[in-house]
PDB file of all heavy atoms in Angstrom:
ATOM      1  N   PRO A   1      61.985  42.792  24.577  1.00  0.00           N
ATOM      2  CA  PRO A   1      61.654  41.574  25.318  1.00  0.00           C
ATOM      3  C   PRO A   1      62.648  41.312  26.446  1.00  0.00           C
ATOM      4  O   PRO A   1      63.863  41.371  26.246  1.00  0.00           O
ATOM      5  CB  PRO A   1      61.720  40.480  24.258  1.00  0.00           C
ATOM      6  CG  PRO A   1      61.431  41.186  22.976  1.00  0.00           C
ATOM      7  CD  PRO A   1      62.074  42.538  23.123  1.00  0.00           C
ATOM      8  N   GLY A   2      62.130  41.038  27.626  1.00  0.00           N
ATOM      9  CA  GLY A   2      62.964  40.744  28.769  1.00  0.00           C
ATOM     10  C   GLY A   2      63.610  41.938  29.422  1.00  0.00           C
ATOM     11  O   GLY A   2      64.396  41.758  30.359  1.00  0.00           O
ATOM     12  N   LYS A   3      63.305  43.134  28.960  1.00  0.00           N
ATOM     13  CA  LYS A   3      63.896  44.339  29.519  1.00  0.00           C
ATOM     14  C   LYS A   3      62.809  45.271  30.036  1.00  0.00           C
ATOM     15  O   LYS A   3      61.652  45.192  29.636  1.00  0.00           O
ATOM     16  CB  LYS A   3      64.745  45.068  28.481  1.00  0.00           C
ATOM     17  CG  LYS A   3      65.917  44.271  27.955  1.00  0.00           C
ATOM     18  CD  LYS A   3      66.772  45.097  27.015  1.00  0.00           C
ATOM     19  CE  LYS A   3      67.449  46.253  27.736  1.00  0.00           C
ATOM     20  NZ  LYS A   3      68.356  47.019  26.829  1.00  0.00           N
ATOM     21  N   GLN A   4      63.211  46.158  30.936  1.00  0.00           N
ATOM     22  CA  GLN A   4      62.290  47.151  31.451  1.00  0.00           C
ATOM     23  C   GLN A   4      62.015  48.225  30.407  1.00  0.00           C
ATOM     24  O   GLN A   4      62.848  48.497  29.540  1.00  0.00           O
ATOM     25  CB  GLN A   4      62.865  47.804  32.715  1.00  0.00           C
ATOM     26  CG  GLN A   4      63.051  46.863  33.887  1.00  0.00           C
ATOM     27  CD  GLN A   4      63.595  47.585  35.109  1.00  0.00           C
ATOM     28  OE1 GLN A   4      63.662  48.807  35.153  1.00  0.00           O
ATOM     29  NE2 GLN A   4      63.974  46.816  36.109  1.00  0.00           N
ATOM     30  N   ARG A   5      60.842  48.814  30.509  1.00  0.00           N
ATOM     31  CA  ARG A   5      60.535  49.940  29.642  1.00  0.00           C
ATOM     32  C   ARG A   5      61.442  51.110  30.009  1.00  0.00           C
ATOM     33  O   ARG A   5      61.619  51.430  31.186  1.00  0.00           O
ATOM     34  CB  ARG A   5      59.066  50.329  29.785  1.00  0.00           C
ATOM     35  CG  ARG A   5      58.605  51.389  28.803  1.00  0.00           C
ATOM     36  CD  ARG A   5      57.094  51.568  28.840  1.00  0.00           C
ATOM     37  NE  ARG A   5      56.393  50.342  28.474  1.00  0.00           N
ATOM     38  CZ  ARG A   5      55.074  50.258  28.325  1.00  0.00           C
ATOM     39  NH1 ARG A   5      54.306  51.330  28.512  1.00  0.00           N
ATOM     40  NH2 ARG A   5      54.517  49.101  28.004  1.00  0.00           N
ATOM     41  N   GLU A   6      62.023  51.744  29.007  1.00  0.00           N
ATOM     42  CA  GLU A   6      62.959  52.823  29.246  1.00  0.00           C
ATOM     43  C   GLU A   6      62.562  54.075  28.489  1.00  0.00           C
ATOM     44  O   GLU A   6      61.968  54.017  27.405  1.00  0.00           O
ATOM     45  CB  GLU A   6      64.383  52.412  28.854  1.00  0.00           C
ATOM     46  CG  GLU A   6      64.568  52.128  27.379  1.00  0.00           C
ATOM     47  CD  GLU A   6      65.997  51.799  27.009  1.00  0.00           C
ATOM     48  OE1 GLU A   6      66.899  52.003  27.850  1.00  0.00           O
ATOM     49  OE2 GLU A   6      66.225  51.330  25.877  1.00  0.00           O
ATOM     50  N   LEU A   7      62.910  55.204  29.060  1.00  0.00           N
ATOM     51  CA  LEU A   7      62.648  56.492  28.441  1.00  0.00           C
ATOM     52  C   LEU A   7      63.634  56.731  27.310  1.00  0.00           C
ATOM     53  O   LEU A   7      64.840  56.562  27.478  1.00  0.00           O
ATOM     54  CB  LEU A   7      62.753  57.598  29.490  1.00  0.00           C
ATOM     55  CG  LEU A   7      62.539  59.032  29.005  1.00  0.00           C
ATOM     56  CD1 LEU A   7      61.111  59.227  28.515  1.00  0.00           C
ATOM     57  CD2 LEU A   7      62.851  60.018  30.122  1.00  0.00           C
ATOM     58  N   VAL A   8      63.113  57.149  26.166  1.00  0.00           N
ATOM     59  CA  VAL A   8      63.937  57.467  25.010  1.00  0.00           C
ATOM     60  C   VAL A   8      64.154  58.967  24.888  1.00  0.00           C
ATOM     61  O   VAL A   8      65.282  59.436  24.715  1.00  0.00           O
ATOM     62  CB  VAL A   8      63.315  56.911  23.719  1.00  0.00           C
ATOM     63  CG1 VAL A   8      64.126  57.333  22.493  1.00  0.00           C
ATOM     64  CG2 VAL A   8      63.197  55.396  23.790  1.00  0.00           C
ATOM     65  N   ALA A   9      63.072  59.732  24.966  1.00  0.00           N
ATOM     66  CA  ALA A   9      63.154  61.177  24.821  1.00  0.00           C
ATOM     67  C   ALA A   9      61.887  61.807  25.360  1.00  0.00           C
ATOM     68  O   ALA A   9      60.830  61.175  25.391  1.00  0.00           O
ATOM     69  CB  ALA A   9      63.354  61.579  23.352  1.00  0.00           C
ATOM     70  N   THR A  10      61.984  63.062  25.781  1.00  0.00           N
ATOM     71  CA  THR A  10      60.826  63.817  26.247  1.00  0.00           C
ATOM     72  C   THR A  10      60.835  65.207  25.633  1.00  0.00           C
ATOM     73  O   THR A  10      61.891  65.745  25.294  1.00  0.00           O
ATOM     74  CB  THR A  10      60.797  63.961  27.781  1.00  0.00           C
ATOM     75  OG1 THR A  10      61.962  64.657  28.230  1.00  0.00           O
ATOM     76  CG2 THR A  10      60.721  62.604  28.457  1.00  0.00           C
ATOM     77  N   ILE A  11      59.640  65.787  25.513  1.00  0.00           N
ATOM     78  CA  ILE A  11      59.493  67.163  25.077  1.00  0.00           C
ATOM     79  C   ILE A  11      58.423  67.810  25.936  1.00  0.00           C
ATOM     80  O   ILE A  11      57.393  67.200  26.233  1.00  0.00           O
ATOM     81  CB  ILE A  11      59.149  67.252  23.575  1.00  0.00           C
ATOM     82  CG1 ILE A  11      59.187  68.700  23.096  1.00  0.00           C
ATOM     83  CG2 ILE A  11      57.803  66.605  23.274  1.00  0.00           C
ATOM     84  CD1 ILE A  11      59.150  68.828  21.577  1.00  0.00           C
ATOM     85  N   ASP A  12      58.669  69.050  26.360  1.00  0.00           N
ATOM     86  CA  ASP A  12      57.695  69.753  27.168  1.00  0.00           C
ATOM     87  C   ASP A  12      57.027  70.858  26.359  1.00  0.00           C
ATOM     88  O   ASP A  12      57.293  71.033  25.171  1.00  0.00           O
ATOM     89  CB  ASP A  12      58.332  70.288  28.460  1.00  0.00           C
ATOM     90  CG  ASP A  12      59.410  71.331  28.224  1.00  0.00           C
ATOM     91  OD1 ASP A  12      59.460  71.936  27.137  1.00  0.00           O
ATOM     92  OD2 ASP A  12      60.217  71.548  29.151  1.00  0.00           O
ATOM     93  N   SER A  13      56.151  71.616  27.023  1.00  0.00           N
ATOM     94  CA  SER A  13      55.387  72.644  26.328  1.00  0.00           C
ATOM     95  C   SER A  13      56.263  73.767  25.799  1.00  0.00           C
ATOM     96  O   SER A  13      55.846  74.478  24.874  1.00  0.00           O
ATOM     97  CB  SER A  13      54.309  73.215  27.254  1.00  0.00           C
ATOM     98  OG  SER A  13      54.882  73.766  28.426  1.00  0.00           O
ATOM     99  N   GLY A  14      57.438  73.946  26.366  1.00  0.00           N
ATOM    100  CA  GLY A  14      58.382  74.930  25.878  1.00  0.00           C
ATOM    101  C   GLY A  14      59.345  74.383  24.846  1.00  0.00           C
ATOM    102  O   GLY A  14      60.325  75.049  24.517  1.00  0.00           O
ATOM    103  N   SER A  15      59.085  73.178  24.374  1.00  0.00           N
ATOM    104  CA  SER A  15      59.880  72.509  23.341  1.00  0.00           C
ATOM    105  C   SER A  15      61.276  72.131  23.820  1.00  0.00           C
ATOM    106  O   SER A  15      62.182  71.939  23.007  1.00  0.00           O
ATOM    107  CB  SER A  15      59.978  73.364  22.079  1.00  0.00           C
ATOM    108  OG  SER A  15      58.695  73.574  21.520  1.00  0.00           O
ATOM    109  N   THR A  16      61.459  72.025  25.124  1.00  0.00           N
ATOM    110  CA  THR A  16      62.714  71.522  25.662  1.00  0.00           C
ATOM    111  C   THR A  16      62.739  70.009  25.508  1.00  0.00           C
ATOM    112  O   THR A  16      61.824  69.318  25.960  1.00  0.00           O
ATOM    113  CB  THR A  16      62.874  71.903  27.131  1.00  0.00           C
ATOM    114  OG1 THR A  16      62.886  73.333  27.254  1.00  0.00           O
ATOM    115  CG2 THR A  16      64.170  71.342  27.694  1.00  0.00           C
ATOM    116  N   ILE A  17      63.782  69.499  24.888  1.00  0.00           N
ATOM    117  CA  ILE A  17      63.885  68.086  24.571  1.00  0.00           C
ATOM    118  C   ILE A  17      65.064  67.480  25.312  1.00  0.00           C
ATOM    119  O   ILE A  17      66.143  68.070  25.367  1.00  0.00           O
ATOM    120  CB  ILE A  17      64.056  67.868  23.059  1.00  0.00           C
ATOM    121  CG1 ILE A  17      62.873  68.475  22.298  1.00  0.00           C
ATOM    122  CG2 ILE A  17      64.195  66.382  22.741  1.00  0.00           C
ATOM    123  CD1 ILE A  17      63.062  68.511  20.805  1.00  0.00           C
ATOM    124  N   GLN A  18      64.842  66.314  25.871  1.00  0.00           N
ATOM    125  CA  GLN A  18      65.900  65.541  26.498  1.00  0.00           C
ATOM    126  C   GLN A  18      65.924  64.150  25.892  1.00  0.00           C
ATOM    127  O   GLN A  18      64.879  63.559  25.651  1.00  0.00           O
ATOM    128  CB  GLN A  18      65.704  65.463  28.012  1.00  0.00           C
ATOM    129  CG  GLN A  18      65.822  66.804  28.727  1.00  0.00           C
ATOM    130  CD  GLN A  18      65.694  66.682  30.223  1.00  0.00           C
ATOM    131  OE1 GLN A  18      64.867  65.904  30.721  1.00  0.00           O
ATOM    132  NE2 GLN A  18      66.508  67.432  30.952  1.00  0.00           N
ATOM    133  N   TYR A  19      67.122  63.626  25.663  1.00  0.00           N
ATOM    134  CA  TYR A  19      67.306  62.323  25.063  1.00  0.00           C
ATOM    135  C   TYR A  19      68.071  61.411  25.999  1.00  0.00           C
ATOM    136  O   TYR A  19      68.940  61.857  26.753  1.00  0.00           O
ATOM    137  CB  TYR A  19      68.098  62.418  23.764  1.00  0.00           C
ATOM    138  CG  TYR A  19      67.438  63.210  22.669  1.00  0.00           C
ATOM    139  CD1 TYR A  19      67.739  64.557  22.478  1.00  0.00           C
ATOM    140  CD2 TYR A  19      66.526  62.610  21.816  1.00  0.00           C
ATOM    141  CE1 TYR A  19      67.138  65.282  21.463  1.00  0.00           C
ATOM    142  CE2 TYR A  19      65.920  63.328  20.795  1.00  0.00           C
ATOM    143  CZ  TYR A  19      66.229  64.663  20.627  1.00  0.00           C
ATOM    144  OH  TYR A  19      65.633  65.381  19.617  1.00  0.00           O
ATOM    145  N   ALA A  20      67.765  60.134  25.919  1.00  0.00           N
ATOM    146  CA  ALA A  20      68.597  59.151  26.582  1.00  0.00           C
ATOM    147  C   ALA A  20      69.973  59.134  25.927  1.00  0.00           C
ATOM    148  O   ALA A  20      70.105  59.364  24.721  1.00  0.00           O
ATOM    149  CB  ALA A  20      67.956  57.773  26.502  1.00  0.00           C
ATOM    150  N   ASP A  21      70.999  58.855  26.717  1.00  0.00           N
ATOM    151  CA  ASP A  21      72.357  58.846  26.185  1.00  0.00           C
ATOM    152  C   ASP A  21      72.513  57.870  25.023  1.00  0.00           C
ATOM    153  O   ASP A  21      73.281  58.125  24.091  1.00  0.00           O
ATOM    154  CB  ASP A  21      73.355  58.500  27.290  1.00  0.00           C
ATOM    155  CG  ASP A  21      73.529  59.612  28.299  1.00  0.00           C
ATOM    156  OD1 ASP A  21      73.175  60.769  27.993  1.00  0.00           O
ATOM    157  OD2 ASP A  21      74.020  59.326  29.410  1.00  0.00           O
ATOM    158  N   SER A  22      71.784  56.773  25.061  1.00  0.00           N
ATOM    159  CA  SER A  22      71.927  55.745  24.049  1.00  0.00           C
ATOM    160  C   SER A  22      71.451  56.175  22.664  1.00  0.00           C
ATOM    161  O   SER A  22      71.805  55.539  21.669  1.00  0.00           O
ATOM    162  CB  SER A  22      71.181  54.478  24.474  1.00  0.00           C
ATOM    163  OG  SER A  22      69.806  54.741  24.663  1.00  0.00           O
ATOM    164  N   VAL A  23      70.645  57.243  22.584  1.00  0.00           N
ATOM    165  CA  VAL A  23      70.103  57.664  21.293  1.00  0.00           C
ATOM    166  C   VAL A  23      70.545  59.065  20.894  1.00  0.00           C
ATOM    167  O   VAL A  23      70.215  59.508  19.784  1.00  0.00           O
ATOM    168  CB  VAL A  23      68.563  57.588  21.275  1.00  0.00           C
ATOM    169  CG1 VAL A  23      68.091  56.197  21.678  1.00  0.00           C
ATOM    170  CG2 VAL A  23      67.948  58.646  22.182  1.00  0.00           C
ATOM    171  N   LYS A  24      71.283  59.748  21.737  1.00  0.00           N
ATOM    172  CA  LYS A  24      71.735  61.099  21.410  1.00  0.00           C
ATOM    173  C   LYS A  24      72.547  61.101  20.122  1.00  0.00           C
ATOM    174  O   LYS A  24      73.409  60.261  19.914  1.00  0.00           O
ATOM    175  CB  LYS A  24      72.572  61.677  22.551  1.00  0.00           C
ATOM    176  CG  LYS A  24      71.775  62.146  23.747  1.00  0.00           C
ATOM    177  CD  LYS A  24      72.680  62.749  24.810  1.00  0.00           C
ATOM    178  CE  LYS A  24      71.879  63.249  25.996  1.00  0.00           C
ATOM    179  NZ  LYS A  24      72.756  63.778  27.066  1.00  0.00           N
ATOM    180  N   GLY A  25      72.250  62.067  19.268  1.00  0.00           N
ATOM    181  CA  GLY A  25      72.932  62.172  17.996  1.00  0.00           C
ATOM    182  C   GLY A  25      72.335  61.334  16.896  1.00  0.00           C
ATOM    183  O   GLY A  25      72.709  61.512  15.729  1.00  0.00           O
ATOM    184  N   ARG A  26      71.436  60.422  17.234  1.00  0.00           N
ATOM    185  CA  ARG A  26      70.819  59.551  16.241  1.00  0.00           C
ATOM    186  C   ARG A  26      69.312  59.776  16.108  1.00  0.00           C
ATOM    187  O   ARG A  26      68.769  59.638  15.013  1.00  0.00           O
ATOM    188  CB  ARG A  26      71.070  58.081  16.584  1.00  0.00           C
ATOM    189  CG  ARG A  26      72.545  57.709  16.639  1.00  0.00           C
ATOM    190  CD  ARG A  26      72.742  56.204  16.785  1.00  0.00           C
ATOM    191  NE  ARG A  26      72.157  55.694  18.030  1.00  0.00           N
ATOM    192  CZ  ARG A  26      71.170  54.805  18.085  1.00  0.00           C
ATOM    193  NH1 ARG A  26      70.649  54.307  16.976  1.00  0.00           N
ATOM    194  NH2 ARG A  26      70.715  54.392  19.261  1.00  0.00           N
ATOM    195  N   PHE A  27      68.649  60.106  17.211  1.00  0.00           N
ATOM    196  CA  PHE A  27      67.200  60.297  17.217  1.00  0.00           C
ATOM    197  C   PHE A  27      66.882  61.776  17.359  1.00  0.00           C
ATOM    198  O   PHE A  27      67.595  62.515  18.051  1.00  0.00           O
ATOM    199  CB  PHE A  27      66.551  59.549  18.377  1.00  0.00           C
ATOM    200  CG  PHE A  27      66.552  58.045  18.251  1.00  0.00           C
ATOM    201  CD1 PHE A  27      67.280  57.396  17.279  1.00  0.00           C
ATOM    202  CD2 PHE A  27      65.805  57.287  19.139  1.00  0.00           C
ATOM    203  CE1 PHE A  27      67.283  56.015  17.173  1.00  0.00           C
ATOM    204  CE2 PHE A  27      65.791  55.905  19.050  1.00  0.00           C
ATOM    205  CZ  PHE A  27      66.529  55.265  18.061  1.00  0.00           C
ATOM    206  N   THR A  28      65.789  62.199  16.737  1.00  0.00           N
ATOM    207  CA  THR A  28      65.343  63.577  16.813  1.00  0.00           C
ATOM    208  C   THR A  28      63.854  63.614  17.135  1.00  0.00           C
ATOM    209  O   THR A  28      63.048  63.023  16.419  1.00  0.00           O
ATOM    210  CB  THR A  28      65.602  64.333  15.504  1.00  0.00           C
ATOM    211  OG1 THR A  28      66.990  64.256  15.164  1.00  0.00           O
ATOM    212  CG2 THR A  28      65.210  65.802  15.658  1.00  0.00           C
ATOM    213  N   PHE A  29      63.498  64.312  18.194  1.00  0.00           N
ATOM    214  CA  PHE A  29      62.133  64.446  18.667  1.00  0.00           C
ATOM    215  C   PHE A  29      61.604  65.805  18.188  1.00  0.00           C
ATOM    216  O   PHE A  29      62.267  66.827  18.380  1.00  0.00           O
ATOM    217  CB  PHE A  29      62.124  64.385  20.191  1.00  0.00           C
ATOM    218  CG  PHE A  29      60.810  64.093  20.855  1.00  0.00           C
ATOM    219  CD1 PHE A  29      60.777  63.782  22.206  1.00  0.00           C
ATOM    220  CD2 PHE A  29      59.615  64.122  20.168  1.00  0.00           C
ATOM    221  CE1 PHE A  29      59.578  63.511  22.844  1.00  0.00           C
ATOM    222  CE2 PHE A  29      58.409  63.857  20.788  1.00  0.00           C
ATOM    223  CZ  PHE A  29      58.396  63.551  22.139  1.00  0.00           C
ATOM    224  N   SER A  30      60.428  65.819  17.577  1.00  0.00           N
ATOM    225  CA  SER A  30      59.832  67.069  17.131  1.00  0.00           C
ATOM    226  C   SER A  30      58.333  67.054  17.383  1.00  0.00           C
ATOM    227  O   SER A  30      57.741  66.005  17.650  1.00  0.00           O
ATOM    228  CB  SER A  30      60.129  67.330  15.645  1.00  0.00           C
ATOM    229  OG  SER A  30      59.568  66.314  14.830  1.00  0.00           O
ATOM    230  N   ARG A  31      57.723  68.228  17.287  1.00  0.00           N
ATOM    231  CA  ARG A  31      56.305  68.377  17.596  1.00  0.00           C
ATOM    232  C   ARG A  31      55.648  69.300  16.588  1.00  0.00           C
ATOM    233  O   ARG A  31      56.209  70.331  16.217  1.00  0.00           O
ATOM    234  CB  ARG A  31      56.155  68.936  19.021  1.00  0.00           C
ATOM    235  CG  ARG A  31      54.733  69.197  19.478  1.00  0.00           C
ATOM    236  CD  ARG A  31      54.724  69.695  20.914  1.00  0.00           C
ATOM    237  NE  ARG A  31      55.411  70.970  21.047  1.00  0.00           N
ATOM    238  CZ  ARG A  31      55.803  71.483  22.196  1.00  0.00           C
ATOM    239  NH1 ARG A  31      55.597  70.804  23.329  1.00  0.00           N
ATOM    240  NH2 ARG A  31      56.416  72.657  22.228  1.00  0.00           N
ATOM    241  N   ASP A  32      54.464  68.923  16.152  1.00  0.00           N
ATOM    242  CA  ASP A  32      53.646  69.750  15.277  1.00  0.00           C
ATOM    243  C   ASP A  32      52.345  70.019  16.019  1.00  0.00           C
ATOM    244  O   ASP A  32      51.433  69.193  16.019  1.00  0.00           O
ATOM    245  CB  ASP A  32      53.384  69.051  13.948  1.00  0.00           C
ATOM    246  CG  ASP A  32      52.671  69.939  12.948  1.00  0.00           C
ATOM    247  OD1 ASP A  32      52.033  70.918  13.349  1.00  0.00           O
ATOM    248  OD2 ASP A  32      52.753  69.641  11.733  1.00  0.00           O
ATOM    249  N   ASN A  33      52.266  71.176  16.660  1.00  0.00           N
ATOM    250  CA  ASN A  33      51.096  71.486  17.473  1.00  0.00           C
ATOM    251  C   ASN A  33      49.816  71.582  16.641  1.00  0.00           C
ATOM    252  O   ASN A  33      48.737  71.222  17.117  1.00  0.00           O
ATOM    253  CB  ASN A  33      51.313  72.797  18.233  1.00  0.00           C
ATOM    254  CG  ASN A  33      52.315  72.664  19.348  1.00  0.00           C
ATOM    255  OD1 ASN A  33      52.527  71.581  19.893  1.00  0.00           O
ATOM    256  ND2 ASN A  33      52.940  73.776  19.723  1.00  0.00           N
ATOM    257  N   ALA A  34      49.928  72.068  15.416  1.00  0.00           N
ATOM    258  CA  ALA A  34      48.755  72.207  14.571  1.00  0.00           C
ATOM    259  C   ALA A  34      48.116  70.863  14.271  1.00  0.00           C
ATOM    260  O   ALA A  34      46.896  70.774  14.087  1.00  0.00           O
ATOM    261  CB  ALA A  34      49.112  72.922  13.276  1.00  0.00           C
ATOM    262  N   LYS A  35      48.917  69.813  14.213  1.00  0.00           N
ATOM    263  CA  LYS A  35      48.413  68.471  13.932  1.00  0.00           C
ATOM    264  C   LYS A  35      48.268  67.621  15.183  1.00  0.00           C
ATOM    265  O   LYS A  35      47.888  66.453  15.082  1.00  0.00           O
ATOM    266  CB  LYS A  35      49.335  67.764  12.945  1.00  0.00           C
ATOM    267  CG  LYS A  35      49.394  68.413  11.574  1.00  0.00           C
ATOM    268  CD  LYS A  35      50.281  67.616  10.641  1.00  0.00           C
ATOM    269  CE  LYS A  35      50.295  68.219   9.255  1.00  0.00           C
ATOM    270  NZ  LYS A  35      51.140  67.448   8.322  1.00  0.00           N
ATOM    271  N   ASN A  36      48.586  68.180  16.343  1.00  0.00           N
ATOM    272  CA  ASN A  36      48.558  67.422  17.597  1.00  0.00           C
ATOM    273  C   ASN A  36      49.352  66.126  17.468  1.00  0.00           C
ATOM    274  O   ASN A  36      48.914  65.058  17.916  1.00  0.00           O
ATOM    275  CB  ASN A  36      47.117  67.139  18.031  1.00  0.00           C
ATOM    276  CG  ASN A  36      46.388  68.382  18.483  1.00  0.00           C
ATOM    277  OD1 ASN A  36      46.944  69.221  19.182  1.00  0.00           O
ATOM    278  ND2 ASN A  36      45.123  68.497  18.087  1.00  0.00           N
ATOM    279  N   THR A  37      50.513  66.231  16.871  1.00  0.00           N
ATOM    280  CA  THR A  37      51.324  65.065  16.571  1.00  0.00           C
ATOM    281  C   THR A  37      52.779  65.331  16.941  1.00  0.00           C
ATOM    282  O   THR A  37      53.283  66.437  16.735  1.00  0.00           O
ATOM    283  CB  THR A  37      51.230  64.697  15.085  1.00  0.00           C
ATOM    284  OG1 THR A  37      49.866  64.420  14.747  1.00  0.00           O
ATOM    285  CG2 THR A  37      52.075  63.477  14.763  1.00  0.00           C
ATOM    286  N   VAL A  38      53.429  64.322  17.495  1.00  0.00           N
ATOM    287  CA  VAL A  38      54.862  64.369  17.715  1.00  0.00           C
ATOM    288  C   VAL A  38      55.515  63.276  16.892  1.00  0.00           C
ATOM    289  O   VAL A  38      54.880  62.280  16.527  1.00  0.00           O
ATOM    290  CB  VAL A  38      55.245  64.223  19.204  1.00  0.00           C
ATOM    291  CG1 VAL A  38      54.671  65.370  20.021  1.00  0.00           C
ATOM    292  CG2 VAL A  38      54.777  62.877  19.754  1.00  0.00           C
ATOM    293  N   TYR A  39      56.798  63.466  16.604  1.00  0.00           N
ATOM    294  CA  TYR A  39      57.533  62.558  15.750  1.00  0.00           C
ATOM    295  C   TYR A  39      58.841  62.171  16.415  1.00  0.00           C
ATOM    296  O   TYR A  39      59.435  62.943  17.169  1.00  0.00           O
ATOM    297  CB  TYR A  39      57.839  63.206  14.397  1.00  0.00           C
ATOM    298  CG  TYR A  39      56.619  63.728  13.682  1.00  0.00           C
ATOM    299  CD1 TYR A  39      56.207  65.045  13.848  1.00  0.00           C
ATOM    300  CD2 TYR A  39      55.880  62.903  12.843  1.00  0.00           C
ATOM    301  CE1 TYR A  39      55.086  65.531  13.196  1.00  0.00           C
ATOM    302  CE2 TYR A  39      54.764  63.374  12.186  1.00  0.00           C
ATOM    303  CZ  TYR A  39      54.371  64.690  12.364  1.00  0.00           C
ATOM    304  OH  TYR A  39      53.258  65.161  11.711  1.00  0.00           O
ATOM    305  N   LEU A  40      59.291  60.988  16.103  1.00  0.00           N
ATOM    306  CA  LEU A  40      60.609  60.538  16.508  1.00  0.00           C
ATOM    307  C   LEU A  40      61.337  60.054  15.260  1.00  0.00           C
ATOM    308  O   LEU A  40      61.030  58.983  14.732  1.00  0.00           O
ATOM    309  CB  LEU A  40      60.532  59.426  17.550  1.00  0.00           C
ATOM    310  CG  LEU A  40      61.865  58.982  18.150  1.00  0.00           C
ATOM    311  CD1 LEU A  40      62.471  60.100  18.997  1.00  0.00           C
ATOM    312  CD2 LEU A  40      61.689  57.716  18.982  1.00  0.00           C
TER     313      LEU A  40
END
């Protein structure tokens, strides 16, 4: 509330993941292509 939407993490088709500095070491981004689902 009251803040701009911010990027937390991204993943590309090559499974390259980038995290915002504020969540590095705490959040983990993963992908399950068979289920067409990503997880945080």
